[in-house]
Amino acid sequence: MCLGIPGQIVDIRSGSRLARVDVAGVLRDIDVAALTGSLRRGDYILVHSGFALERMSATEARDAMAAFGISPVDRGAAAEPAPGGS
């Protein structure tokens, strides 16, 4: 069994298959190459082991975060990396 955690895209790296994603309040570089179509800042994705598995609606993401006891973090326009790395 695998555990996927919802994340929200905060930045998309131009010319790369990586996106900066807020996962439970921590910014991580996530490989989004498996997802089709265009991605936008604010989109929700399901993340497992550094890879995006699928897109999620905001409602699905919030419901999943609530089930895990995770509070959504509003990073606004000024998203910064967590201290100590990705």
PDB file of N, CA and C in Angstrom:
ATOM      1  N   MET A   1       0.844  -1.172   0.000  1.00  0.00           N
ATOM      2  CA  MET A   1       0.000   0.000   0.000  1.00  0.00           C
ATOM      3  C   MET A   1       0.893   1.240   0.000  1.00  0.00           C
ATOM      4  N   CYS A   2       0.490   2.230  -0.785  1.00  0.00           N
ATOM      5  CA  CYS A   2       1.229   3.482  -0.889  1.00  0.00           C
ATOM      6  C   CYS A   2       0.423   4.611  -0.266  1.00  0.00           C
ATOM      7  N   LEU A   3       1.132   5.578   0.252  1.00  0.00           N
ATOM      8  CA  LEU A   3       0.483   6.737   0.837  1.00  0.00           C
ATOM      9  C   LEU A   3       0.799   7.954  -0.009  1.00  0.00           C
ATOM     10  N   GLY A   4      -0.236   8.598  -0.520  1.00  0.00           N
ATOM     11  CA  GLY A   4      -0.079   9.832  -1.272  1.00  0.00           C
ATOM     12  C   GLY A   4      -0.588  10.991  -0.436  1.00  0.00           C
ATOM     13  N   ILE A   5       0.109  12.098  -0.490  1.00  0.00           N
ATOM     14  CA  ILE A   5      -0.248  13.293   0.268  1.00  0.00           C
ATOM     15  C   ILE A   5      -0.578  14.406  -0.725  1.00  0.00           C
ATOM     16  N   PRO A   6      -1.640  15.158  -0.494  1.00  0.00           N
ATOM     17  CA  PRO A   6      -1.946  16.271  -1.384  1.00  0.00           C
ATOM     18  C   PRO A   6      -0.910  17.373  -1.265  1.00  0.00           C
ATOM     19  N   GLY A   7      -0.643  18.014  -2.378  1.00  0.00           N
ATOM     20  CA  GLY A   7       0.248  19.164  -2.389  1.00  0.00           C
ATOM     21  C   GLY A   7      -0.290  20.216  -3.331  1.00  0.00           C
ATOM     22  N   GLN A   8       0.103  21.458  -3.093  1.00  0.00           N
ATOM     23  CA  GLN A   8      -0.333  22.564  -3.938  1.00  0.00           C
ATOM     24  C   GLN A   8       0.873  23.168  -4.636  1.00  0.00           C
ATOM     25  N   ILE A   9       0.770  23.298  -5.939  1.00  0.00           N
ATOM     26  CA  ILE A   9       1.864  23.857  -6.734  1.00  0.00           C
ATOM     27  C   ILE A   9       2.031  25.342  -6.411  1.00  0.00           C
ATOM     28  N   VAL A  10       3.264  25.722  -6.071  1.00  0.00           N
ATOM     29  CA  VAL A  10       3.557  27.127  -5.796  1.00  0.00           C
ATOM     30  C   VAL A  10       4.461  27.742  -6.864  1.00  0.00           C
ATOM     31  N   ASP A  11       5.137  26.895  -7.656  1.00  0.00           N
ATOM     32  CA  ASP A  11       5.993  27.394  -8.732  1.00  0.00           C
ATOM     33  C   ASP A  11       6.250  26.254  -9.702  1.00  0.00           C
ATOM     34  N   ILE A  12       6.328  26.602 -10.972  1.00  0.00           N
ATOM     35  CA  ILE A  12       6.640  25.603 -11.995  1.00  0.00           C
ATOM     36  C   ILE A  12       7.954  26.007 -12.639  1.00  0.00           C
ATOM     37  N   ARG A  13       8.899  25.089 -12.639  1.00  0.00           N
ATOM     38  CA  ARG A  13      10.229  25.363 -13.192  1.00  0.00           C
ATOM     39  C   ARG A  13      10.167  25.322 -14.714  1.00  0.00           C
ATOM     40  N   SER A  14      10.423  26.433 -15.349  1.00  0.00           N
ATOM     41  CA  SER A  14      10.412  26.516 -16.803  1.00  0.00           C
ATOM     42  C   SER A  14      11.494  25.609 -17.387  1.00  0.00           C
ATOM     43  N   GLY A  15      11.134  24.841 -18.403  1.00  0.00           N
ATOM     44  CA  GLY A  15      12.092  23.967 -19.059  1.00  0.00           C
ATOM     45  C   GLY A  15      12.474  22.746 -18.241  1.00  0.00           C
ATOM     46  N   SER A  16      11.704  22.446 -17.228  1.00  0.00           N
ATOM     47  CA  SER A  16      12.005  21.326 -16.344  1.00  0.00           C
ATOM     48  C   SER A  16      10.738  20.523 -16.105  1.00  0.00           C
ATOM     49  N   ARG A  17      10.896  19.326 -15.609  1.00  0.00           N
ATOM     50  CA  ARG A  17       9.723  18.538 -15.247  1.00  0.00           C
ATOM     51  C   ARG A  17       9.446  18.609 -13.747  1.00  0.00           C
ATOM     52  N   LEU A  18      10.083  19.590 -13.087  1.00  0.00           N
ATOM     53  CA  LEU A  18       9.906  19.769 -11.652  1.00  0.00           C
ATOM     54  C   LEU A  18       9.007  20.962 -11.341  1.00  0.00           C
ATOM     55  N   ALA A  19       8.257  20.813 -10.272  1.00  0.00           N
ATOM     56  CA  ALA A  19       7.460  21.920  -9.743  1.00  0.00           C
ATOM     57  C   ALA A  19       7.760  22.032  -8.260  1.00  0.00           C
ATOM     58  N   ARG A  20       7.712  23.257  -7.752  1.00  0.00           N
ATOM     59  CA  ARG A  20       7.856  23.490  -6.314  1.00  0.00           C
ATOM     60  C   ARG A  20       6.459  23.330  -5.734  1.00  0.00           C
ATOM     61  N   VAL A  21       6.314  22.434  -4.758  1.00  0.00           N
ATOM     62  CA  VAL A  21       4.998  22.072  -4.247  1.00  0.00           C
ATOM     63  C   VAL A  21       4.985  22.154  -2.724  1.00  0.00           C
ATOM     64  N   ASP A  22       3.922  22.751  -2.194  1.00  0.00           N
ATOM     65  CA  ASP A  22       3.700  22.806  -0.757  1.00  0.00           C
ATOM     66  C   ASP A  22       3.055  21.486  -0.349  1.00  0.00           C
ATOM     67  N   VAL A  23       3.796  20.678   0.390  1.00  0.00           N
ATOM     68  CA  VAL A  23       3.300  19.389   0.885  1.00  0.00           C
ATOM     69  C   VAL A  23       3.278  19.471   2.408  1.00  0.00           C
ATOM     70  N   ALA A  24       2.090  19.595   2.966  1.00  0.00           N
ATOM     71  CA  ALA A  24       1.913  19.672   4.424  1.00  0.00           C
ATOM     72  C   ALA A  24       2.749  20.795   5.045  1.00  0.00           C
ATOM     73  N   GLY A  25       2.840  21.924   4.346  1.00  0.00           N
ATOM     74  CA  GLY A  25       3.553  23.069   4.882  1.00  0.00           C
ATOM     75  C   GLY A  25       5.032  23.115   4.574  1.00  0.00           C
ATOM     76  N   VAL A  26       5.545  22.128   3.859  1.00  0.00           N
ATOM     77  CA  VAL A  26       6.964  22.085   3.499  1.00  0.00           C
ATOM     78  C   VAL A  26       7.070  22.149   1.977  1.00  0.00           C
ATOM     79  N   LEU A  27       7.933  23.037   1.474  1.00  0.00           N
ATOM     80  CA  LEU A  27       8.124  23.142   0.038  1.00  0.00           C
ATOM     81  C   LEU A  27       9.086  22.065  -0.445  1.00  0.00           C
ATOM     82  N   ARG A  28       8.658  21.369  -1.493  1.00  0.00           N
ATOM     83  CA  ARG A  28       9.454  20.279  -2.058  1.00  0.00           C
ATOM     84  C   ARG A  28       9.470  20.406  -3.580  1.00  0.00           C
ATOM     85  N   ASP A  29      10.559  19.931  -4.192  1.00  0.00           N
ATOM     86  CA  ASP A  29      10.618  19.817  -5.645  1.00  0.00           C
ATOM     87  C   ASP A  29      10.013  18.466  -6.013  1.00  0.00           C
ATOM     88  N   ILE A  30       8.956  18.490  -6.830  1.00  0.00           N
ATOM     89  CA  ILE A  30       8.221  17.278  -7.196  1.00  0.00           C
ATOM     90  C   ILE A  30       8.287  17.082  -8.698  1.00  0.00           C
ATOM     91  N   ASP A  31       8.535  15.852  -9.123  1.00  0.00           N
ATOM     92  CA  ASP A  31       8.555  15.488 -10.535  1.00  0.00           C
ATOM     93  C   ASP A  31       7.111  15.378 -11.023  1.00  0.00           C
ATOM     94  N   VAL A  32       6.722  16.232 -11.962  1.00  0.00           N
ATOM     95  CA  VAL A  32       5.347  16.262 -12.461  1.00  0.00           C
ATOM     96  C   VAL A  32       5.240  15.726 -13.888  1.00  0.00           C
ATOM     97  N   ALA A  33       6.272  15.035 -14.374  1.00  0.00           N
ATOM     98  CA  ALA A  33       6.313  14.581 -15.760  1.00  0.00           C
ATOM     99  C   ALA A  33       5.185  13.604 -16.102  1.00  0.00           C
ATOM    100  N   ALA A  34       4.669  12.882 -15.136  1.00  0.00           N
ATOM    101  CA  ALA A  34       3.623  11.895 -15.412  1.00  0.00           C
ATOM    102  C   ALA A  34       2.246  12.529 -15.624  1.00  0.00           C
ATOM    103  N   LEU A  35       2.117  13.799 -15.292  1.00  0.00           N
ATOM    104  CA  LEU A  35       0.824  14.471 -15.454  1.00  0.00           C
ATOM    105  C   LEU A  35       0.711  15.059 -16.851  1.00  0.00           C
ATOM    106  N   THR A  36      -0.466  14.925 -17.443  1.00  0.00           N
ATOM    107  CA  THR A  36      -0.689  15.472 -18.780  1.00  0.00           C
ATOM    108  C   THR A  36      -1.354  16.836 -18.682  1.00  0.00           C
ATOM    109  N   GLY A  37      -1.209  17.612 -19.715  1.00  0.00           N
ATOM    110  CA  GLY A  37      -1.824  18.930 -19.749  1.00  0.00           C
ATOM    111  C   GLY A  37      -0.993  19.954 -19.008  1.00  0.00           C
ATOM    112  N   SER A  38      -1.466  21.180 -19.040  1.00  0.00           N
ATOM    113  CA  SER A  38      -0.711  22.255 -18.396  1.00  0.00           C
ATOM    114  C   SER A  38      -1.016  22.312 -16.902  1.00  0.00           C
ATOM    115  N   LEU A  39      -0.019  22.711 -16.163  1.00  0.00           N
ATOM    116  CA  LEU A  39      -0.155  22.892 -14.715  1.00  0.00           C
ATOM    117  C   LEU A  39      -0.061  24.368 -14.414  1.00  0.00           C
ATOM    118  N   ARG A  40      -0.753  24.786 -13.366  1.00  0.00           N
ATOM    119  CA  ARG A  40      -0.727  26.189 -12.965  1.00  0.00           C
ATOM    120  C   ARG A  40      -0.446  26.290 -11.481  1.00  0.00           C
ATOM    121  N   ARG A  41       0.112  27.428 -11.092  1.00  0.00           N
ATOM    122  CA  ARG A  41       0.303  27.726  -9.671  1.00  0.00           C
ATOM    123  C   ARG A  41      -1.066  27.644  -9.003  1.00  0.00           C
ATOM    124  N   GLY A  42      -1.126  26.950  -7.867  1.00  0.00           N
ATOM    125  CA  GLY A  42      -2.384  26.794  -7.138  1.00  0.00           C
ATOM    126  C   GLY A  42      -3.069  25.466  -7.381  1.00  0.00           C
ATOM    127  N   ASP A  43      -2.674  24.735  -8.448  1.00  0.00           N
ATOM    128  CA  ASP A  43      -3.249  23.413  -8.703  1.00  0.00           C
ATOM    129  C   ASP A  43      -2.868  22.451  -7.583  1.00  0.00           C
ATOM    130  N   TYR A  44      -3.749  21.506  -7.300  1.00  0.00           N
ATOM    131  CA  TYR A  44      -3.476  20.469  -6.310  1.00  0.00           C
ATOM    132  C   TYR A  44      -3.117  19.173  -7.016  1.00  0.00           C
ATOM    133  N   ILE A  45      -2.128  18.473  -6.453  1.00  0.00           N
ATOM    134  CA  ILE A  45      -1.705  17.177  -6.996  1.00  0.00           C
ATOM    135  C   ILE A  45      -1.530  16.196  -5.840  1.00  0.00           C
ATOM    136  N   LEU A  46      -1.591  14.916  -6.165  1.00  0.00           N
ATOM    137  CA  LEU A  46      -1.328  13.862  -5.194  1.00  0.00           C
ATOM    138  C   LEU A  46       0.132  13.456  -5.346  1.00  0.00           C
ATOM    139  N   VAL A  47       0.890  13.499  -4.244  1.00  0.00           N
ATOM    140  CA  VAL A  47       2.336  13.289  -4.268  1.00  0.00           C
ATOM    141  C   VAL A  47       2.701  12.019  -3.504  1.00  0.00           C
ATOM    142  N   HIS A  48       3.590  11.214  -4.108  1.00  0.00           N
ATOM    143  CA  HIS A  48       4.148  10.036  -3.438  1.00  0.00           C
ATOM    144  C   HIS A  48       5.619   9.926  -3.808  1.00  0.00           C
ATOM    145  N   SER A  49       6.469   9.891  -2.810  1.00  0.00           N
ATOM    146  CA  SER A  49       7.917   9.701  -3.003  1.00  0.00           C
ATOM    147  C   SER A  49       8.523  10.669  -4.017  1.00  0.00           C
ATOM    148  N   GLY A  50       8.077  11.925  -3.991  1.00  0.00           N
ATOM    149  CA  GLY A  50       8.663  12.924  -4.862  1.00  0.00           C
ATOM    150  C   GLY A  50       8.092  12.983  -6.263  1.00  0.00           C
ATOM    151  N   PHE A  51       7.042  12.218  -6.531  1.00  0.00           N
ATOM    152  CA  PHE A  51       6.421  12.192  -7.847  1.00  0.00           C
ATOM    153  C   PHE A  51       4.941  12.547  -7.744  1.00  0.00           C
ATOM    154  N   ALA A  52       4.459  13.304  -8.713  1.00  0.00           N
ATOM    155  CA  ALA A  52       3.033  13.616  -8.790  1.00  0.00           C
ATOM    156  C   ALA A  52       2.328  12.433  -9.451  1.00  0.00           C
ATOM    157  N   LEU A  53       1.316  11.898  -8.774  1.00  0.00           N
ATOM    158  CA  LEU A  53       0.582  10.759  -9.304  1.00  0.00           C
ATOM    159  C   LEU A  53      -0.654  11.168 -10.088  1.00  0.00           C
ATOM    160  N   GLU A  54      -1.353  12.195  -9.617  1.00  0.00           N
ATOM    161  CA  GLU A  54      -2.559  12.660 -10.297  1.00  0.00           C
ATOM    162  C   GLU A  54      -2.934  14.054  -9.816  1.00  0.00           C
ATOM    163  N   ARG A  55      -3.798  14.682 -10.577  1.00  0.00           N
ATOM    164  CA  ARG A  55      -4.357  15.977 -10.185  1.00  0.00           C
ATOM    165  C   ARG A  55      -5.491  15.734  -9.201  1.00  0.00           C
ATOM    166  N   MET A  56      -5.728  16.731  -8.355  1.00  0.00           N
ATOM    167  CA  MET A  56      -6.835  16.664  -7.399  1.00  0.00           C
ATOM    168  C   MET A  56      -7.591  17.981  -7.453  1.00  0.00           C
ATOM    169  N   SER A  57      -8.874  17.916  -7.153  1.00  0.00           N
ATOM    170  CA  SER A  57      -9.620  19.160  -7.003  1.00  0.00           C
ATOM    171  C   SER A  57      -9.274  19.746  -5.638  1.00  0.00           C
ATOM    172  N   ALA A  58      -9.572  21.015  -5.455  1.00  0.00           N
ATOM    173  CA  ALA A  58      -9.322  21.654  -4.159  1.00  0.00           C
ATOM    174  C   ALA A  58     -10.112  20.954  -3.058  1.00  0.00           C
ATOM    175  N   THR A  59     -11.323  20.532  -3.364  1.00  0.00           N
ATOM    176  CA  THR A  59     -12.153  19.836  -2.378  1.00  0.00           C
ATOM    177  C   THR A  59     -11.545  18.489  -2.004  1.00  0.00           C
ATOM    178  N   GLU A  60     -11.087  17.732  -2.996  1.00  0.00           N
ATOM    179  CA  GLU A  60     -10.445  16.436  -2.714  1.00  0.00           C
ATOM    180  C   GLU A  60      -9.203  16.625  -1.861  1.00  0.00           C
ATOM    181  N   ALA A  61      -8.410  17.637  -2.193  1.00  0.00           N
ATOM    182  CA  ALA A  61      -7.177  17.894  -1.440  1.00  0.00           C
ATOM    183  C   ALA A  61      -7.494  18.277  -0.002  1.00  0.00           C
ATOM    184  N   ARG A  62      -8.447  19.175   0.193  1.00  0.00           N
ATOM    185  CA  ARG A  62      -8.797  19.597   1.555  1.00  0.00           C
ATOM    186  C   ARG A  62      -9.368  18.442   2.371  1.00  0.00           C
ATOM    187  N   ASP A  63     -10.204  17.600   1.744  1.00  0.00           N
ATOM    188  CA  ASP A  63     -10.762  16.435   2.447  1.00  0.00           C
ATOM    189  C   ASP A  63      -9.653  15.464   2.857  1.00  0.00           C
ATOM    190  N   ALA A  64      -8.698  15.235   1.952  1.00  0.00           N
ATOM    191  CA  ALA A  64      -7.587  14.328   2.260  1.00  0.00           C
ATOM    192  C   ALA A  64      -6.713  14.906   3.374  1.00  0.00           C
ATOM    193  N   MET A  65      -6.421  16.207   3.312  1.00  0.00           N
ATOM    194  CA  MET A  65      -5.610  16.834   4.355  1.00  0.00           C
ATOM    195  C   MET A  65      -6.317  16.759   5.704  1.00  0.00           C
ATOM    196  N   ALA A  66      -7.627  16.963   5.696  1.00  0.00           N
ATOM    197  CA  ALA A  66      -8.391  16.866   6.947  1.00  0.00           C
ATOM    198  C   ALA A  66      -8.321  15.451   7.509  1.00  0.00           C
ATOM    199  N   ALA A  67      -8.377  14.445   6.647  1.00  0.00           N
ATOM    200  CA  ALA A  67      -8.304  13.046   7.099  1.00  0.00           C
ATOM    201  C   ALA A  67      -6.950  12.750   7.752  1.00  0.00           C
ATOM    202  N   PHE A  68      -5.888  13.416   7.273  1.00  0.00           N
ATOM    203  CA  PHE A  68      -4.555  13.238   7.844  1.00  0.00           C
ATOM    204  C   PHE A  68      -4.282  14.185   8.996  1.00  0.00           C
ATOM    205  N   GLY A  69      -5.210  15.098   9.266  1.00  0.00           N
ATOM    206  CA  GLY A  69      -5.001  16.079  10.322  1.00  0.00           C
ATOM    207  C   GLY A  69      -4.059  17.190   9.919  1.00  0.00           C
ATOM    208  N   ILE A  70      -3.968  17.466   8.625  1.00  0.00           N
ATOM    209  CA  ILE A  70      -3.084  18.506   8.099  1.00  0.00           C
ATOM    210  C   ILE A  70      -3.912  19.748   7.817  1.00  0.00           C
ATOM    211  N   SER A  71      -3.467  20.890   8.317  1.00  0.00           N
ATOM    212  CA  SER A  71      -4.136  22.156   8.027  1.00  0.00           C
ATOM    213  C   SER A  71      -3.556  22.743   6.756  1.00  0.00           C
ATOM    214  N   PRO A  72      -4.406  23.168   5.822  1.00  0.00           N
ATOM    215  CA  PRO A  72      -3.879  23.818   4.617  1.00  0.00           C
ATOM    216  C   PRO A  72      -3.095  25.068   4.987  1.00  0.00           C
ATOM    217  N   VAL A  73      -2.016  25.340   4.260  1.00  0.00           N
ATOM    218  CA  VAL A  73      -1.169  26.502   4.503  1.00  0.00           C
ATOM    219  C   VAL A  73      -1.378  27.466   3.345  1.00  0.00           C
ATOM    220  N   ASP A  74      -1.715  28.715   3.650  1.00  0.00           N
ATOM    221  CA  ASP A  74      -1.867  29.724   2.612  1.00  0.00           C
ATOM    222  C   ASP A  74      -0.539  30.453   2.478  1.00  0.00           C
ATOM    223  N   ARG A  75       0.214  30.118   1.443  1.00  0.00           N
ATOM    224  CA  ARG A  75       1.523  30.719   1.247  1.00  0.00           C
ATOM    225  C   ARG A  75       1.429  32.045   0.499  1.00  0.00           C
ATOM    226  N   GLY A  76       0.300  32.319  -0.117  1.00  0.00           N
ATOM    227  CA  GLY A  76       0.139  33.559  -0.845  1.00  0.00           C
ATOM    228  C   GLY A  76       1.151  33.654  -1.975  1.00  0.00           C
ATOM    229  N   ALA A  77       1.505  34.864  -2.339  1.00  0.00           N
ATOM    230  CA  ALA A  77       2.402  35.084  -3.484  1.00  0.00           C
ATOM    231  C   ALA A  77       3.865  34.966  -3.112  1.00  0.00           C
ATOM    232  N   ALA A  78       4.190  34.969  -1.833  1.00  0.00           N
ATOM    233  CA  ALA A  78       5.597  35.005  -1.412  1.00  0.00           C
ATOM    234  C   ALA A  78       6.028  33.675  -0.805  1.00  0.00           C
ATOM    235  N   ALA A  79       5.947  32.610  -1.591  1.00  0.00           N
ATOM    236  CA  ALA A  79       6.365  31.302  -1.097  1.00  0.00           C
ATOM    237  C   ALA A  79       7.877  31.244  -1.002  1.00  0.00           C
ATOM    238  N   GLU A  80       8.368  30.796   0.136  1.00  0.00           N
ATOM    239  CA  GLU A  80       9.811  30.670   0.353  1.00  0.00           C
ATOM    240  C   GLU A  80      10.111  29.255   0.824  1.00  0.00           C
ATOM    241  N   PRO A  81      11.293  28.732   0.490  1.00  0.00           N
ATOM    242  CA  PRO A  81      11.652  27.393   0.942  1.00  0.00           C
ATOM    243  C   PRO A  81      11.744  27.323   2.473  1.00  0.00           C
ATOM    244  N   ALA A  82      11.452  26.141   2.992  1.00  0.00           N
ATOM    245  CA  ALA A  82      11.620  25.914   4.417  1.00  0.00           C
ATOM    246  C   ALA A  82      13.098  25.958   4.751  1.00  0.00           C
ATOM    247  N   PRO A  83      13.467  26.398   5.951  1.00  0.00           N
ATOM    248  CA  PRO A  83      14.885  26.424   6.329  1.00  0.00           C
ATOM    249  C   PRO A  83      15.498  25.035   6.213  1.00  0.00           C
ATOM    250  N   GLY A  84      16.689  24.952   5.695  1.00  0.00           N
ATOM    251  CA  GLY A  84      17.390  23.675   5.623  1.00  0.00           C
ATOM    252  C   GLY A  84      17.187  22.894   4.359  1.00  0.00           C
ATOM    253  N   GLY A  85      16.500  23.437   3.367  1.00  0.00           N
ATOM    254  CA  GLY A  85      16.427  22.723   2.091  1.00  0.00           C
ATOM    255  C   GLY A  85      15.026  22.460   1.625  1.00  0.00           C
ATOM    256  N   SER A  86      14.917  21.473   0.704  1.00  0.00           N
ATOM    257  CA  SER A  86      13.660  21.188   0.039  1.00  0.00           C
ATOM    258  C   SER A  86      12.854  20.322   0.865  1.00  0.00           C
TER     259      SER A  86
END
